[in-house]
Amino acid sequence: MTLRPRILGVIGIRLFHTLTPGVDSVHVLRLLELSPRGPITLAMPVVVRMFRAENERMMQALKEFAEGEAGEQRPTGTRFR
């Protein structure tokens, strides 16, 4: 991700998901790797907090969707396993 203005640097982002099936659920492990380059490295404590907050928001939304949609008919063409 190139920041604006460009002089602030670049943050490399790698995101991994591991899904492990359970009896009545699926466990989601989400791993995020950030690789900052340039002056942005000085602000990484703030950036990491922002990424954590967004990760928690996204995981909660995913959980609510999965639990709220359980048993309901899904739109044609949408695959869930």
C-alpha atoms as a PDB file:
ATOM      1  CA  MET A   1       0.000   0.000   0.000  1.00  0.00           C
ATOM      2  CA  THR A   2       1.620   3.252  -1.115  1.00  0.00           C
ATOM      3  CA  LEU A   3       0.760   6.108   1.190  1.00  0.00           C
ATOM      4  CA  ARG A   4      -0.249   9.606   0.148  1.00  0.00           C
ATOM      5  CA  PRO A   5       1.770  11.674  -0.055  1.00  0.00           C
ATOM      6  CA  ARG A   6       4.228   9.105  -1.405  1.00  0.00           C
ATOM      7  CA  ILE A   7       7.033  10.573   0.661  1.00  0.00           C
ATOM      8  CA  LEU A   8       5.527   8.852   3.738  1.00  0.00           C
ATOM      9  CA  GLY A   9       6.533   5.467   2.347  1.00  0.00           C
ATOM     10  CA  VAL A  10       4.979   2.103   1.685  1.00  0.00           C
ATOM     11  CA  ILE A  11       3.412  -0.568   3.882  1.00  0.00           C
ATOM     12  CA  GLY A  12       3.620  -4.109   2.523  1.00  0.00           C
ATOM     13  CA  ILE A  13       0.550  -6.088   3.589  1.00  0.00           C
ATOM     14  CA  ARG A  14       0.215  -9.885   3.614  1.00  0.00           C
ATOM     15  CA  LEU A  15      -2.983 -11.424   4.915  1.00  0.00           C
ATOM     16  CA  PHE A  16      -3.518 -15.125   5.603  1.00  0.00           C
ATOM     17  CA  HIS A  17      -6.664 -16.995   6.636  1.00  0.00           C
ATOM     18  CA  THR A  18      -6.803 -20.518   8.047  1.00  0.00           C
ATOM     19  CA  LEU A  19     -10.223 -22.135   8.387  1.00  0.00           C
ATOM     20  CA  THR A  20     -10.532 -25.135  10.699  1.00  0.00           C
ATOM     21  CA  PRO A  21     -13.870 -26.976  10.750  1.00  0.00           C
ATOM     22  CA  GLY A  22     -15.374 -27.879  14.098  1.00  0.00           C
ATOM     23  CA  VAL A  23     -18.446 -29.894  15.036  1.00  0.00           C
ATOM     24  CA  ASP A  24     -20.921 -26.997  14.792  1.00  0.00           C
ATOM     25  CA  SER A  25     -18.612 -24.159  13.784  1.00  0.00           C
ATOM     26  CA  VAL A  26     -15.574 -23.071  11.832  1.00  0.00           C
ATOM     27  CA  HIS A  27     -12.568 -21.512  13.543  1.00  0.00           C
ATOM     28  CA  VAL A  28     -11.009 -18.634  11.584  1.00  0.00           C
ATOM     29  CA  LEU A  29      -7.379 -17.706  12.172  1.00  0.00           C
ATOM     30  CA  ARG A  30      -6.419 -14.435  10.516  1.00  0.00           C
ATOM     31  CA  LEU A  31      -2.736 -13.488  10.322  1.00  0.00           C
ATOM     32  CA  LEU A  32      -1.636 -10.084   9.086  1.00  0.00           C
ATOM     33  CA  GLU A  33       1.968  -9.170   8.291  1.00  0.00           C
ATOM     34  CA  LEU A  34       2.880  -5.508   7.851  1.00  0.00           C
ATOM     35  CA  SER A  35       6.222  -4.517   6.299  1.00  0.00           C
ATOM     36  CA  PRO A  36       6.703  -0.742   6.489  1.00  0.00           C
ATOM     37  CA  ARG A  37       9.335   1.100   4.460  1.00  0.00           C
ATOM     38  CA  GLY A  38      10.150   4.763   4.767  1.00  0.00           C
ATOM     39  CA  PRO A  39       9.129   7.369   7.330  1.00  0.00           C
ATOM     40  CA  ILE A  40       5.872   5.530   8.099  1.00  0.00           C
ATOM     41  CA  THR A  41       7.929   3.169  10.275  1.00  0.00           C
ATOM     42  CA  LEU A  42       7.879   5.881  12.958  1.00  0.00           C
ATOM     43  CA  ALA A  43       4.084   5.799  13.068  1.00  0.00           C
ATOM     44  CA  MET A  44       3.698   1.996  13.121  1.00  0.00           C
ATOM     45  CA  PRO A  45       2.348   1.815  16.702  1.00  0.00           C
ATOM     46  CA  VAL A  46      -0.610   3.948  15.578  1.00  0.00           C
ATOM     47  CA  VAL A  47      -0.971   2.072  12.283  1.00  0.00           C
ATOM     48  CA  VAL A  48      -0.996  -1.302  14.066  1.00  0.00           C
ATOM     49  CA  ARG A  49      -3.760  -0.114  16.421  1.00  0.00           C
ATOM     50  CA  MET A  50      -5.804   0.990  13.408  1.00  0.00           C
ATOM     51  CA  PHE A  51      -5.315  -2.378  11.675  1.00  0.00           C
ATOM     52  CA  ARG A  52      -6.282  -4.234  14.882  1.00  0.00           C
ATOM     53  CA  ALA A  53      -9.468  -2.212  15.253  1.00  0.00           C
ATOM     54  CA  GLU A  54     -10.420  -2.864  11.624  1.00  0.00           C
ATOM     55  CA  ASN A  55      -9.599  -6.562  11.989  1.00  0.00           C
ATOM     56  CA  GLU A  56     -11.854  -6.862  15.042  1.00  0.00           C
ATOM     57  CA  ARG A  57     -14.661  -5.008  13.247  1.00  0.00           C
ATOM     58  CA  MET A  58     -14.368  -7.231  10.169  1.00  0.00           C
ATOM     59  CA  MET A  59     -14.230 -10.474  12.159  1.00  0.00           C
ATOM     60  CA  GLN A  60     -17.296  -9.451  14.198  1.00  0.00           C
ATOM     61  CA  ALA A  61     -19.201  -8.599  11.000  1.00  0.00           C
ATOM     62  CA  LEU A  62     -18.216 -11.965   9.497  1.00  0.00           C
ATOM     63  CA  LYS A  63     -19.373 -13.783  12.643  1.00  0.00           C
ATOM     64  CA  GLU A  64     -22.701 -11.928  12.684  1.00  0.00           C
ATOM     65  CA  PHE A  65     -23.244 -12.679   9.019  1.00  0.00           C
ATOM     66  CA  ALA A  66     -22.418 -16.372   9.411  1.00  0.00           C
ATOM     67  CA  GLU A  67     -24.566 -16.801  12.516  1.00  0.00           C
ATOM     68  CA  GLY A  68     -27.424 -14.653  11.229  1.00  0.00           C
ATOM     69  CA  GLU A  69     -27.519 -16.415   7.892  1.00  0.00           C
ATOM     70  CA  ALA A  70     -27.416 -19.922   9.379  1.00  0.00           C
ATOM     71  CA  GLY A  71     -30.440 -21.798   8.192  1.00  0.00           C
ATOM     72  CA  GLU A  72     -31.585 -19.017   5.852  1.00  0.00           C
ATOM     73  CA  GLN A  73     -31.559 -19.510   2.110  1.00  0.00           C
ATOM     74  CA  ARG A  74     -28.558 -17.896   0.445  1.00  0.00           C
ATOM     75  CA  PRO A  75     -28.682 -16.133  -2.915  1.00  0.00           C
ATOM     76  CA  THR A  76     -28.065 -18.292  -5.971  1.00  0.00           C
ATOM     77  CA  GLY A  77     -24.439 -18.248  -7.046  1.00  0.00           C
ATOM     78  CA  THR A  78     -23.083 -17.659  -3.532  1.00  0.00           C
ATOM     79  CA  ARG A  79     -20.996 -20.553  -2.239  1.00  0.00           C
ATOM     80  CA  PHE A  80     -20.546 -21.290   1.446  1.00  0.00           C
ATOM     81  CA  ARG A  81     -19.098 -24.499   2.839  1.00  0.00           C
END
